[in-house]
Protein backbone atom coordinates (compact mmCIF):
# COMPACT_ATOMS: atom_id res chain seq x y z
CA MET A 1 64.81 -36.90 -1.96
CA THR A 2 61.29 -36.08 -3.05
CA THR A 3 60.14 -36.13 -6.63
CA PRO A 4 57.95 -33.33 -7.97
CA SER A 5 54.32 -34.24 -8.50
CA SER A 6 53.20 -34.86 -12.02
CA PRO A 7 51.39 -31.98 -13.74
CA SER A 8 48.26 -34.12 -14.21
CA SER A 9 47.71 -34.72 -10.47
CA PRO A 10 45.47 -32.18 -8.70
CA PRO A 11 46.97 -30.11 -5.93
CA ASP A 12 46.28 -31.12 -2.33
CA LEU A 13 43.79 -28.45 -1.30
CA PRO A 14 42.19 -28.26 2.16
CA HIS A 15 38.64 -28.74 0.81
CA SER A 16 39.69 -31.85 -1.09
CA ARG A 17 41.08 -33.33 2.11
CA LEU A 18 37.77 -32.68 3.89
CA ARG A 19 35.88 -34.76 1.35
CA SER A 20 38.40 -37.59 1.22
CA SER A 21 38.89 -37.95 4.97
CA GLY A 22 36.41 -40.77 5.43
CA GLY A 23 33.08 -38.99 5.45
CA ASN A 24 31.38 -35.69 5.06
CA ARG A 25 32.56 -33.33 7.79
CA ILE A 26 30.73 -30.24 6.56
CA PRO A 27 27.80 -30.67 9.03
CA LEU A 28 30.26 -31.09 11.91
CA ILE A 29 32.14 -27.94 10.90
CA ALA A 30 28.88 -26.00 10.56
CA PHE A 31 27.77 -27.19 14.01
CA ALA A 32 31.12 -26.16 15.52
CA TRP A 33 30.83 -22.67 13.99
CA LEU A 34 27.30 -22.33 15.39
CA TRP A 35 28.44 -23.62 18.79
CA VAL A 36 30.98 -20.79 18.98
CA GLY A 37 29.24 -18.17 16.86
CA ALA A 38 25.85 -18.09 18.57
CA PRO A 39 27.18 -17.11 22.03
CA LEU A 40 29.63 -14.71 20.40
CA CYS A 41 26.84 -12.92 18.53
CA TYR A 42 24.70 -12.79 21.66
CA GLY A 43 27.62 -11.34 23.63
CA LEU A 44 28.25 -8.69 21.00
CA TYR A 45 24.56 -7.81 20.98
CA GLU A 46 24.57 -7.38 24.76
CA LEU A 47 27.76 -5.33 24.53
CA VAL A 48 26.18 -2.94 22.06
CA LEU A 49 23.11 -2.55 24.27
CA LYS A 50 25.21 -1.83 27.36
CA ALA A 51 27.49 0.60 25.49
CA LYS A 52 24.48 2.44 24.09
CA GLN A 53 23.01 2.66 27.58
CA LEU A 54 26.32 3.84 29.01
CA PHE A 55 26.87 6.62 26.49
CA THR A 56 23.28 7.84 26.12
CA GLY A 57 22.35 7.80 29.79
């Protein structure tokens, strides 16, 4: 059986686990978002250009 946590202990939030997981992972997460986001943005940009060309002649 589990006991309820005491009211004075802070809740286990995802951002608190990031900081307490043995190092600062924020730069790694930012790099991962850029690794995926940059090609995605480029692809969307190309899609808009091709769609504009397709519909305007």
